[in-house]
N, C-alpha and C. Protein backbone atom coordinates (compact mmCIF):
# COMPACT_ATOMS: atom_id res chain seq x y z
N MET A 1 31.38 58.23 21.10
CA MET A 1 31.23 57.45 22.32
C MET A 1 31.42 55.98 21.97
N ALA A 2 32.21 55.27 22.74
CA ALA A 2 32.45 53.86 22.53
C ALA A 2 31.22 53.06 22.94
N ALA A 3 30.94 52.03 22.20
CA ALA A 3 29.77 51.21 22.48
C ALA A 3 30.12 50.11 23.47
N ARG A 4 29.16 49.82 24.35
CA ARG A 4 29.28 48.63 25.18
C ARG A 4 29.19 47.44 24.24
N ALA A 5 29.66 46.30 24.66
CA ALA A 5 29.64 45.13 23.79
C ALA A 5 28.99 43.95 24.52
N THR A 6 28.36 43.10 23.75
CA THR A 6 27.81 41.87 24.28
C THR A 6 28.09 40.75 23.31
N THR A 7 28.26 39.57 23.83
CA THR A 7 28.40 38.39 22.98
C THR A 7 27.33 37.37 23.36
N ASP A 8 26.26 37.84 23.97
CA ASP A 8 25.15 36.98 24.37
C ASP A 8 24.37 36.54 23.14
N ASP A 9 24.21 35.23 22.98
CA ASP A 9 23.48 34.68 21.84
C ASP A 9 22.06 35.22 21.72
N HIS A 10 21.46 35.57 22.84
CA HIS A 10 20.06 35.97 22.83
C HIS A 10 19.87 37.46 22.55
N GLU A 11 20.92 38.16 22.32
CA GLU A 11 20.81 39.60 22.09
C GLU A 11 20.51 39.96 20.64
N PHE A 12 20.62 39.02 19.71
CA PHE A 12 20.32 39.34 18.32
C PHE A 12 18.82 39.56 18.17
N ARG A 13 18.46 40.65 17.52
CA ARG A 13 17.06 40.98 17.32
C ARG A 13 16.66 40.65 15.89
N LEU A 14 15.86 39.61 15.76
CA LEU A 14 15.35 39.19 14.47
C LEU A 14 13.84 39.41 14.47
N GLY A 15 13.20 39.23 13.34
CA GLY A 15 11.75 39.41 13.28
C GLY A 15 11.32 40.85 13.11
N LEU A 16 12.19 41.67 12.53
CA LEU A 16 11.86 43.08 12.33
C LEU A 16 11.30 43.36 10.94
N GLY A 17 11.11 42.29 10.16
CA GLY A 17 10.49 42.44 8.85
C GLY A 17 11.46 42.56 7.69
N SER A 18 12.74 42.70 7.97
CA SER A 18 13.74 42.83 6.92
C SER A 18 15.11 42.46 7.49
N PRO A 19 15.89 41.68 6.75
CA PRO A 19 17.24 41.39 7.24
C PRO A 19 18.08 42.66 7.37
N VAL A 20 17.76 43.68 6.60
CA VAL A 20 18.48 44.94 6.69
C VAL A 20 18.25 45.59 8.05
N LEU A 21 17.01 45.65 8.50
CA LEU A 21 16.71 46.25 9.80
C LEU A 21 17.24 45.39 10.93
N GLU A 22 17.28 44.09 10.74
CA GLU A 22 17.86 43.19 11.73
C GLU A 22 19.38 43.40 11.82
N PHE A 23 20.01 43.68 10.68
CA PHE A 23 21.44 44.00 10.65
C PHE A 23 21.69 45.31 11.39
N LEU A 24 20.85 46.31 11.15
CA LEU A 24 20.99 47.59 11.85
C LEU A 24 20.80 47.43 13.34
N ALA A 25 19.99 46.45 13.75
CA ALA A 25 19.72 46.21 15.17
C ALA A 25 20.91 45.60 15.89
N THR A 26 21.97 45.26 15.18
CA THR A 26 23.16 44.74 15.86
C THR A 26 23.91 45.84 16.60
N LEU A 27 23.50 47.08 16.41
CA LEU A 27 23.96 48.18 17.27
C LEU A 27 22.70 48.75 17.91
N ALA A 28 22.54 48.48 19.19
CA ALA A 28 21.32 48.89 19.89
C ALA A 28 21.56 50.16 20.69
N SER A 29 20.48 50.75 21.14
CA SER A 29 20.51 51.95 21.98
C SER A 29 21.35 53.06 21.35
N ARG A 30 21.11 53.31 20.09
CA ARG A 30 21.88 54.32 19.36
C ARG A 30 21.79 55.70 19.99
N ALA A 31 20.62 56.04 20.52
CA ALA A 31 20.44 57.38 21.10
C ALA A 31 21.00 57.49 22.51
N GLY A 32 21.17 56.39 23.18
CA GLY A 32 21.67 56.41 24.55
C GLY A 32 23.10 55.93 24.62
N GLU A 33 23.29 54.86 25.37
CA GLU A 33 24.60 54.24 25.50
C GLU A 33 24.61 53.05 24.54
N PRO A 34 25.24 53.18 23.37
CA PRO A 34 25.17 52.13 22.35
C PRO A 34 25.65 50.77 22.86
N LEU A 35 24.98 49.73 22.38
CA LEU A 35 25.31 48.36 22.72
C LEU A 35 25.68 47.63 21.43
N GLU A 36 26.94 47.25 21.31
CA GLU A 36 27.45 46.57 20.11
C GLU A 36 27.22 45.07 20.24
N ARG A 37 26.36 44.55 19.39
CA ARG A 37 26.08 43.11 19.41
C ARG A 37 27.05 42.34 18.52
N LEU A 38 27.78 43.04 17.69
CA LEU A 38 28.83 42.42 16.87
C LEU A 38 30.18 42.80 17.48
N ALA A 39 30.44 42.29 18.66
CA ALA A 39 31.65 42.64 19.39
C ALA A 39 32.88 41.91 18.84
N THR A 40 32.68 40.73 18.30
CA THR A 40 33.79 39.93 17.78
C THR A 40 33.43 39.39 16.40
N ALA A 41 34.44 38.91 15.70
CA ALA A 41 34.20 38.28 14.39
C ALA A 41 33.30 37.06 14.54
N LYS A 42 33.44 36.36 15.65
CA LYS A 42 32.58 35.20 15.91
C LYS A 42 31.12 35.62 16.03
N ASP A 43 30.86 36.79 16.64
CA ASP A 43 29.50 37.31 16.74
C ASP A 43 28.91 37.56 15.35
N LEU A 44 29.73 38.12 14.46
CA LEU A 44 29.25 38.35 13.09
C LEU A 44 28.91 37.02 12.44
N SER A 45 29.74 36.03 12.59
CA SER A 45 29.47 34.70 12.02
C SER A 45 28.17 34.13 12.58
N ARG A 46 27.98 34.26 13.90
CA ARG A 46 26.76 33.76 14.54
C ARG A 46 25.53 34.52 14.06
N TRP A 47 25.67 35.85 13.90
CA TRP A 47 24.53 36.63 13.44
C TRP A 47 24.16 36.24 12.01
N LEU A 48 25.15 36.09 11.14
CA LEU A 48 24.86 35.70 9.75
C LEU A 48 24.15 34.35 9.70
N ASP A 49 24.54 33.44 10.60
CA ASP A 49 23.89 32.14 10.69
C ASP A 49 22.46 32.30 11.22
N ALA A 50 22.28 33.07 12.29
CA ALA A 50 20.96 33.28 12.89
C ALA A 50 20.01 33.97 11.91
N ALA A 51 20.55 34.88 11.12
CA ALA A 51 19.73 35.60 10.13
C ALA A 51 19.53 34.80 8.85
N ARG A 52 20.14 33.60 8.81
CA ARG A 52 20.05 32.69 7.66
C ARG A 52 20.60 33.31 6.38
N LEU A 53 21.67 34.06 6.55
CA LEU A 53 22.33 34.67 5.39
C LEU A 53 23.58 33.90 4.99
N ALA A 54 24.24 33.28 5.95
CA ALA A 54 25.45 32.51 5.65
C ALA A 54 25.66 31.48 6.75
N SER A 55 25.36 30.27 6.43
CA SER A 55 25.52 29.19 7.40
C SER A 55 26.98 28.75 7.44
N GLY A 56 27.55 28.72 8.61
CA GLY A 56 28.93 28.25 8.77
C GLY A 56 29.99 29.22 8.30
N ALA A 57 29.64 30.48 8.09
CA ALA A 57 30.64 31.48 7.65
C ALA A 57 31.66 31.68 8.77
N ARG A 58 32.90 31.82 8.38
CA ARG A 58 33.96 32.11 9.35
C ARG A 58 34.49 33.51 9.06
N CYS A 59 33.92 34.47 9.73
CA CYS A 59 34.31 35.86 9.51
C CYS A 59 35.56 36.17 10.34
N ASP A 60 36.38 37.08 9.82
CA ASP A 60 37.58 37.49 10.55
C ASP A 60 37.42 38.94 11.01
N ARG A 61 38.45 39.46 11.67
CA ARG A 61 38.37 40.82 12.21
C ARG A 61 38.19 41.86 11.11
N GLU A 62 38.82 41.66 9.96
CA GLU A 62 38.65 42.60 8.86
C GLU A 62 37.20 42.59 8.38
N SER A 63 36.61 41.41 8.27
CA SER A 63 35.20 41.30 7.87
C SER A 63 34.31 42.01 8.88
N LEU A 64 34.62 41.87 10.16
CA LEU A 64 33.85 42.53 11.21
C LEU A 64 33.91 44.04 11.05
N ALA A 65 35.09 44.57 10.84
CA ALA A 65 35.25 46.03 10.68
C ALA A 65 34.48 46.51 9.45
N ARG A 66 34.57 45.76 8.36
CA ARG A 66 33.87 46.17 7.13
C ARG A 66 32.35 46.02 7.29
N ALA A 67 31.92 45.01 8.04
CA ALA A 67 30.48 44.83 8.29
C ALA A 67 29.93 46.00 9.09
N ARG A 68 30.66 46.41 10.12
CA ARG A 68 30.21 47.55 10.92
C ARG A 68 30.17 48.83 10.08
N GLU A 69 31.17 49.02 9.24
CA GLU A 69 31.20 50.19 8.37
C GLU A 69 29.99 50.17 7.42
N LEU A 70 29.71 49.02 6.84
CA LEU A 70 28.56 48.89 5.95
C LEU A 70 27.26 49.11 6.72
N ARG A 71 27.15 48.53 7.91
CA ARG A 71 25.94 48.69 8.72
C ARG A 71 25.64 50.16 8.98
N GLU A 72 26.66 50.93 9.35
CA GLU A 72 26.43 52.33 9.66
C GLU A 72 26.09 53.14 8.42
N ALA A 73 26.69 52.80 7.28
CA ALA A 73 26.34 53.48 6.03
C ALA A 73 24.89 53.18 5.66
N ILE A 74 24.49 51.92 5.79
CA ILE A 74 23.10 51.55 5.51
C ILE A 74 22.16 52.28 6.46
N TYR A 75 22.51 52.35 7.73
CA TYR A 75 21.67 53.04 8.71
C TYR A 75 21.43 54.49 8.28
N ARG A 76 22.50 55.18 7.94
CA ARG A 76 22.36 56.59 7.55
C ARG A 76 21.55 56.73 6.26
N VAL A 77 21.73 55.82 5.31
CA VAL A 77 20.97 55.87 4.05
C VAL A 77 19.48 55.64 4.33
N VAL A 78 19.16 54.67 5.16
CA VAL A 78 17.76 54.39 5.48
C VAL A 78 17.12 55.59 6.19
N VAL A 79 17.82 56.16 7.15
CA VAL A 79 17.29 57.34 7.86
C VAL A 79 17.09 58.49 6.88
N ASP A 80 18.07 58.74 6.03
CA ASP A 80 17.94 59.82 5.04
C ASP A 80 16.76 59.57 4.10
N ALA A 81 16.60 58.33 3.65
CA ALA A 81 15.49 58.01 2.75
C ALA A 81 14.15 58.23 3.43
N ARG A 82 14.04 57.82 4.69
CA ARG A 82 12.79 58.01 5.43
C ARG A 82 12.47 59.48 5.63
N GLU A 83 13.49 60.31 5.73
CA GLU A 83 13.29 61.74 5.96
C GLU A 83 13.36 62.56 4.68
N ASN A 84 13.38 61.88 3.54
CA ASN A 84 13.43 62.53 2.22
C ASN A 84 14.60 63.50 2.09
N ARG A 85 15.77 63.09 2.61
CA ARG A 85 16.98 63.90 2.50
C ARG A 85 17.93 63.24 1.52
N LEU A 86 18.80 64.05 0.93
CA LEU A 86 19.87 63.49 0.12
C LEU A 86 20.82 62.74 1.03
N ALA A 87 21.23 61.57 0.58
CA ALA A 87 22.15 60.76 1.37
C ALA A 87 23.58 61.18 1.09
N SER A 88 24.45 60.87 2.01
CA SER A 88 25.87 61.14 1.84
C SER A 88 26.41 60.36 0.64
N ALA A 89 27.20 61.05 -0.17
CA ALA A 89 27.80 60.39 -1.35
C ALA A 89 28.68 59.22 -0.92
N ASN A 90 29.40 59.36 0.19
CA ASN A 90 30.26 58.27 0.67
C ASN A 90 29.43 57.06 1.10
N ASP A 91 28.32 57.29 1.78
CA ASP A 91 27.46 56.18 2.20
C ASP A 91 26.87 55.46 0.99
N VAL A 92 26.38 56.20 0.03
CA VAL A 92 25.81 55.60 -1.17
C VAL A 92 26.88 54.83 -1.94
N ARG A 93 28.07 55.40 -2.05
CA ARG A 93 29.17 54.72 -2.74
C ARG A 93 29.49 53.39 -2.07
N LEU A 94 29.58 53.40 -0.74
CA LEU A 94 29.92 52.18 -0.01
C LEU A 94 28.85 51.10 -0.19
N VAL A 95 27.59 51.47 -0.06
CA VAL A 95 26.50 50.50 -0.24
C VAL A 95 26.54 49.95 -1.66
N ASN A 96 26.72 50.81 -2.64
CA ASN A 96 26.77 50.35 -4.03
C ASN A 96 27.98 49.44 -4.30
N GLU A 97 29.12 49.77 -3.71
CA GLU A 97 30.30 48.91 -3.87
C GLU A 97 30.03 47.51 -3.32
N TRP A 98 29.42 47.45 -2.15
CA TRP A 98 29.10 46.15 -1.57
C TRP A 98 28.07 45.42 -2.41
N ALA A 99 27.09 46.13 -2.94
CA ALA A 99 26.04 45.48 -3.75
C ALA A 99 26.61 44.85 -5.02
N ARG A 100 27.73 45.36 -5.50
CA ARG A 100 28.36 44.80 -6.71
C ARG A 100 29.19 43.54 -6.43
N GLN A 101 29.43 43.23 -5.17
CA GLN A 101 30.23 42.06 -4.82
C GLN A 101 29.44 40.78 -5.11
N PRO A 102 30.14 39.67 -5.32
CA PRO A 102 29.43 38.40 -5.57
C PRO A 102 28.54 38.02 -4.38
N ALA A 103 27.34 37.58 -4.69
CA ALA A 103 26.37 37.18 -3.67
C ALA A 103 26.50 35.69 -3.40
N PRO A 104 25.93 35.23 -2.28
CA PRO A 104 25.99 33.80 -1.99
C PRO A 104 25.22 32.99 -3.02
N THR A 105 25.70 31.80 -3.23
CA THR A 105 25.06 30.89 -4.17
C THR A 105 24.40 29.77 -3.38
N PRO A 106 23.12 29.50 -3.61
CA PRO A 106 22.49 28.40 -2.88
C PRO A 106 23.07 27.05 -3.33
N GLN A 107 23.37 26.21 -2.35
CA GLN A 107 23.93 24.89 -2.61
C GLN A 107 23.19 23.87 -1.74
N LEU A 108 23.06 22.64 -2.24
CA LEU A 108 22.47 21.57 -1.46
C LEU A 108 23.56 20.77 -0.78
N ASP A 109 23.31 20.37 0.47
CA ASP A 109 24.24 19.44 1.10
C ASP A 109 23.67 18.02 0.91
N ARG A 110 24.34 17.01 1.44
CA ARG A 110 23.91 15.63 1.20
C ARG A 110 22.56 15.32 1.82
N SER A 111 22.18 16.04 2.86
CA SER A 111 20.87 15.82 3.46
C SER A 111 19.79 16.67 2.79
N LEU A 112 20.16 17.30 1.68
CA LEU A 112 19.27 18.11 0.85
C LEU A 112 18.76 19.37 1.55
N HIS A 113 19.60 19.92 2.41
CA HIS A 113 19.34 21.22 3.02
C HIS A 113 20.10 22.27 2.22
N VAL A 114 19.52 23.42 2.09
CA VAL A 114 20.16 24.50 1.34
C VAL A 114 21.17 25.21 2.23
N ARG A 115 22.35 25.39 1.72
CA ARG A 115 23.42 26.14 2.37
C ARG A 115 23.88 27.20 1.40
N SER A 116 24.41 28.29 1.93
CA SER A 116 24.97 29.33 1.07
C SER A 116 26.40 28.95 0.75
N GLY A 117 26.75 29.06 -0.51
CA GLY A 117 28.10 28.73 -0.93
C GLY A 117 28.77 29.90 -1.61
N GLY A 118 30.05 29.76 -1.80
CA GLY A 118 30.85 30.79 -2.45
C GLY A 118 32.22 30.83 -1.84
N PRO A 119 33.13 31.56 -2.46
CA PRO A 119 34.50 31.59 -1.96
C PRO A 119 34.62 32.24 -0.59
N ASP A 120 33.79 33.24 -0.28
CA ASP A 120 33.84 33.91 1.01
C ASP A 120 32.40 34.18 1.46
N PRO A 121 31.80 33.24 2.19
CA PRO A 121 30.39 33.39 2.59
C PRO A 121 30.11 34.66 3.40
N CYS A 122 31.06 35.09 4.21
CA CYS A 122 30.86 36.30 5.01
C CYS A 122 30.73 37.52 4.10
N ARG A 123 31.65 37.66 3.18
CA ARG A 123 31.63 38.78 2.23
C ARG A 123 30.38 38.72 1.35
N ALA A 124 30.03 37.53 0.91
CA ALA A 124 28.85 37.36 0.05
C ALA A 124 27.57 37.76 0.80
N ALA A 125 27.50 37.43 2.08
CA ALA A 125 26.32 37.80 2.86
C ALA A 125 26.22 39.31 3.02
N LEU A 126 27.35 39.98 3.20
CA LEU A 126 27.33 41.44 3.29
C LEU A 126 26.89 42.06 1.97
N ALA A 127 27.30 41.45 0.86
CA ALA A 127 26.84 41.92 -0.46
C ALA A 127 25.33 41.76 -0.58
N GLN A 128 24.83 40.65 -0.09
CA GLN A 128 23.39 40.40 -0.11
C GLN A 128 22.65 41.44 0.73
N LEU A 129 23.20 41.80 1.88
CA LEU A 129 22.59 42.84 2.72
C LEU A 129 22.59 44.19 2.03
N ALA A 130 23.67 44.52 1.33
CA ALA A 130 23.72 45.79 0.61
C ALA A 130 22.65 45.83 -0.48
N ARG A 131 22.48 44.73 -1.19
CA ARG A 131 21.43 44.67 -2.22
C ARG A 131 20.04 44.81 -1.60
N ALA A 132 19.84 44.14 -0.48
CA ALA A 132 18.55 44.23 0.21
C ALA A 132 18.30 45.65 0.70
N ALA A 133 19.35 46.35 1.12
CA ALA A 133 19.21 47.74 1.56
C ALA A 133 18.77 48.63 0.41
N ILE A 134 19.35 48.41 -0.76
CA ILE A 134 18.95 49.20 -1.94
C ILE A 134 17.49 48.94 -2.27
N GLU A 135 17.08 47.67 -2.23
CA GLU A 135 15.68 47.34 -2.51
C GLU A 135 14.74 47.94 -1.46
N LEU A 136 15.18 47.96 -0.21
CA LEU A 136 14.35 48.53 0.86
C LEU A 136 14.17 50.03 0.67
N VAL A 137 15.26 50.72 0.40
CA VAL A 137 15.21 52.18 0.25
C VAL A 137 14.44 52.59 -1.00
N ALA A 138 14.54 51.80 -2.05
CA ALA A 138 13.88 52.16 -3.31
C ALA A 138 12.50 51.53 -3.47
N GLY A 139 12.09 50.71 -2.50
CA GLY A 139 10.85 49.96 -2.65
C GLY A 139 9.72 50.47 -1.78
N PRO A 140 8.59 49.79 -1.86
CA PRO A 140 7.38 50.22 -1.13
C PRO A 140 7.48 50.03 0.38
N ASP A 141 8.34 49.14 0.85
CA ASP A 141 8.44 48.93 2.30
C ASP A 141 9.06 50.10 3.04
N LEU A 142 9.72 51.00 2.34
CA LEU A 142 10.30 52.18 3.00
C LEU A 142 9.21 52.94 3.76
N GLN A 143 8.03 53.05 3.17
CA GLN A 143 6.93 53.79 3.80
C GLN A 143 6.35 53.06 5.00
N ARG A 144 6.67 51.77 5.15
CA ARG A 144 6.13 50.98 6.24
C ARG A 144 7.12 50.82 7.40
N ILE A 145 8.31 51.43 7.28
CA ILE A 145 9.28 51.35 8.36
C ILE A 145 8.82 52.25 9.49
N ARG A 146 8.83 51.69 10.69
CA ARG A 146 8.43 52.44 11.88
C ARG A 146 9.56 52.37 12.91
N ASN A 147 9.59 53.34 13.81
CA ASN A 147 10.46 53.30 14.98
C ASN A 147 9.65 52.70 16.12
N CYS A 148 10.30 51.91 16.93
CA CYS A 148 9.63 51.33 18.09
C CYS A 148 9.13 52.48 18.98
N ALA A 149 7.93 52.32 19.54
CA ALA A 149 7.33 53.36 20.39
C ALA A 149 7.99 53.45 21.76
N ASN A 150 8.80 52.48 22.11
CA ASN A 150 9.53 52.54 23.38
C ASN A 150 10.65 53.56 23.23
N PRO A 151 10.63 54.65 24.00
CA PRO A 151 11.65 55.68 23.85
C PRO A 151 13.08 55.18 24.12
N ALA A 152 13.21 54.10 24.88
CA ALA A 152 14.53 53.54 25.18
C ALA A 152 15.01 52.59 24.08
N CYS A 153 14.18 52.30 23.11
CA CYS A 153 14.52 51.36 22.04
C CYS A 153 14.80 52.13 20.75
N SER A 154 15.87 51.79 20.08
CA SER A 154 16.22 52.49 18.84
C SER A 154 15.95 51.65 17.60
N LEU A 155 15.22 50.55 17.76
CA LEU A 155 15.02 49.66 16.62
C LEU A 155 13.93 50.16 15.68
N MET A 156 14.13 49.82 14.42
CA MET A 156 13.13 50.07 13.38
C MET A 156 12.59 48.73 12.94
N PHE A 157 11.37 48.72 12.45
CA PHE A 157 10.76 47.50 11.95
C PHE A 157 9.84 47.86 10.79
N ILE A 158 9.48 46.86 10.01
CA ILE A 158 8.51 47.07 8.93
C ILE A 158 7.15 46.66 9.46
N ASP A 159 6.22 47.57 9.39
CA ASP A 159 4.86 47.32 9.87
C ASP A 159 4.07 46.64 8.75
N HIS A 160 3.92 45.34 8.86
CA HIS A 160 3.15 44.56 7.88
C HIS A 160 1.71 44.36 8.34
N SER A 161 1.32 44.99 9.46
CA SER A 161 -0.05 44.82 9.94
C SER A 161 -1.03 45.46 8.96
N ARG A 162 -2.18 44.90 8.88
CA ARG A 162 -3.18 45.39 7.92
C ARG A 162 -3.53 46.86 8.14
N PRO A 163 -3.83 47.27 9.39
CA PRO A 163 -4.16 48.69 9.57
C PRO A 163 -2.94 49.61 9.58
N GLY A 164 -1.73 49.03 9.68
CA GLY A 164 -0.53 49.86 9.69
C GLY A 164 -0.32 50.63 10.99
N ARG A 165 -0.73 50.02 12.11
CA ARG A 165 -0.63 50.71 13.40
C ARG A 165 0.24 49.97 14.41
N ARG A 166 1.10 49.11 13.96
CA ARG A 166 1.98 48.41 14.89
C ARG A 166 2.88 49.44 15.57
N ARG A 167 3.09 49.29 16.89
CA ARG A 167 3.85 50.28 17.65
C ARG A 167 5.19 49.78 18.15
N TRP A 168 5.33 48.48 18.31
CA TRP A 168 6.49 47.94 19.00
C TRP A 168 7.35 47.10 18.06
N CYS A 169 8.66 47.15 18.30
CA CYS A 169 9.56 46.29 17.53
C CYS A 169 9.21 44.83 17.79
N SER A 170 8.78 44.55 19.02
CA SER A 170 8.38 43.20 19.41
C SER A 170 7.38 43.32 20.55
N MET A 171 6.25 42.67 20.40
CA MET A 171 5.26 42.69 21.47
C MET A 171 5.81 41.98 22.70
N GLU A 172 6.64 40.95 22.49
CA GLU A 172 7.19 40.19 23.61
C GLU A 172 8.19 41.00 24.43
N ARG A 173 8.82 41.98 23.83
CA ARG A 173 9.81 42.77 24.55
C ARG A 173 9.25 44.15 24.88
N CYS A 174 9.35 45.06 23.96
CA CYS A 174 8.95 46.45 24.24
C CYS A 174 7.46 46.58 24.50
N GLY A 175 6.63 45.88 23.75
CA GLY A 175 5.19 45.95 23.97
C GLY A 175 4.80 45.44 25.34
N ASN A 176 5.39 44.33 25.73
CA ASN A 176 5.10 43.75 27.04
C ASN A 176 5.59 44.66 28.17
N ARG A 177 6.76 45.27 27.97
CA ARG A 177 7.27 46.20 28.98
C ARG A 177 6.32 47.38 29.16
N ALA A 178 5.79 47.89 28.05
CA ALA A 178 4.87 49.02 28.13
C ALA A 178 3.57 48.61 28.84
N LYS A 179 3.06 47.44 28.52
CA LYS A 179 1.85 46.96 29.18
C LYS A 179 2.08 46.79 30.68
N THR A 180 3.23 46.21 31.04
CA THR A 180 3.57 46.01 32.44
C THR A 180 3.68 47.35 33.17
N ALA A 181 4.33 48.31 32.53
CA ALA A 181 4.48 49.64 33.14
C ALA A 181 3.11 50.30 33.34
N ARG A 182 2.22 50.19 32.34
CA ARG A 182 0.87 50.78 32.48
C ARG A 182 0.11 50.09 33.61
N TYR A 183 0.23 48.77 33.69
CA TYR A 183 -0.45 48.02 34.76
C TYR A 183 0.06 48.47 36.13
N ARG A 184 1.36 48.57 36.27
CA ARG A 184 1.94 48.99 37.56
C ARG A 184 1.51 50.41 37.92
N GLN A 185 1.46 51.28 36.92
CA GLN A 185 1.03 52.66 37.16
C GLN A 185 -0.42 52.68 37.64
N ARG A 186 -1.29 51.93 36.99
CA ARG A 186 -2.72 51.86 37.41
C ARG A 186 -2.81 51.28 38.81
N HIS A 187 -2.03 50.23 39.07
CA HIS A 187 -2.07 49.57 40.37
C HIS A 187 -1.61 50.52 41.48
N ARG A 188 -0.58 51.31 41.22
CA ARG A 188 -0.11 52.30 42.20
C ARG A 188 -1.17 53.35 42.45
N GLN A 189 -1.83 53.79 41.39
CA GLN A 189 -2.85 54.83 41.55
C GLN A 189 -4.06 54.32 42.34
N THR A 190 -4.46 53.08 42.10
CA THR A 190 -5.62 52.55 42.83
C THR A 190 -5.28 52.21 44.27
N SER A 191 -4.02 51.91 44.56
CA SER A 191 -3.63 51.58 45.94
C SER A 191 -3.43 52.82 46.79
N ARG A 192 -3.40 53.98 46.19
CA ARG A 192 -3.25 55.23 46.95
C ARG A 192 -4.56 55.59 47.49
């Protein structure tokens, strides 16, 4: 099924506890009608900047296609790891190939702000995401990954709460929607 596309700046979902999960969130509504947040190469450049992985990267269409391919391989590897299944050899190969690519190098600009440098910042940022995916799958945070409790939301997040009972990808979005729906349901019942 072809994904709907958006180029709305406000559609990027950050704050999920890991840049890897934020990268996976660039394809939303996976179970329903998918929404592609990386519709253009410019969207990928904007996302890398918003995620603070590559400031000022100029990604092209080939980079976009490779980023989407990497994103989907990472998604399948994370899901397989969470379900204690063997991952696809092709997915593991692709993630490992990207992880071997040169990573961004921190550089200072004249105002002493850190910028990512390197010959291809877009490619370097994707390599950094592949490395982060390997660390996520092999590390302790894998056990803390949760699915949002909103059935219409396909996002995953890392639950860093002390009791480990966080339910929503974002309290401002899905959590607030659930609270509003419960309030309306109670209000309808009391008005009958």
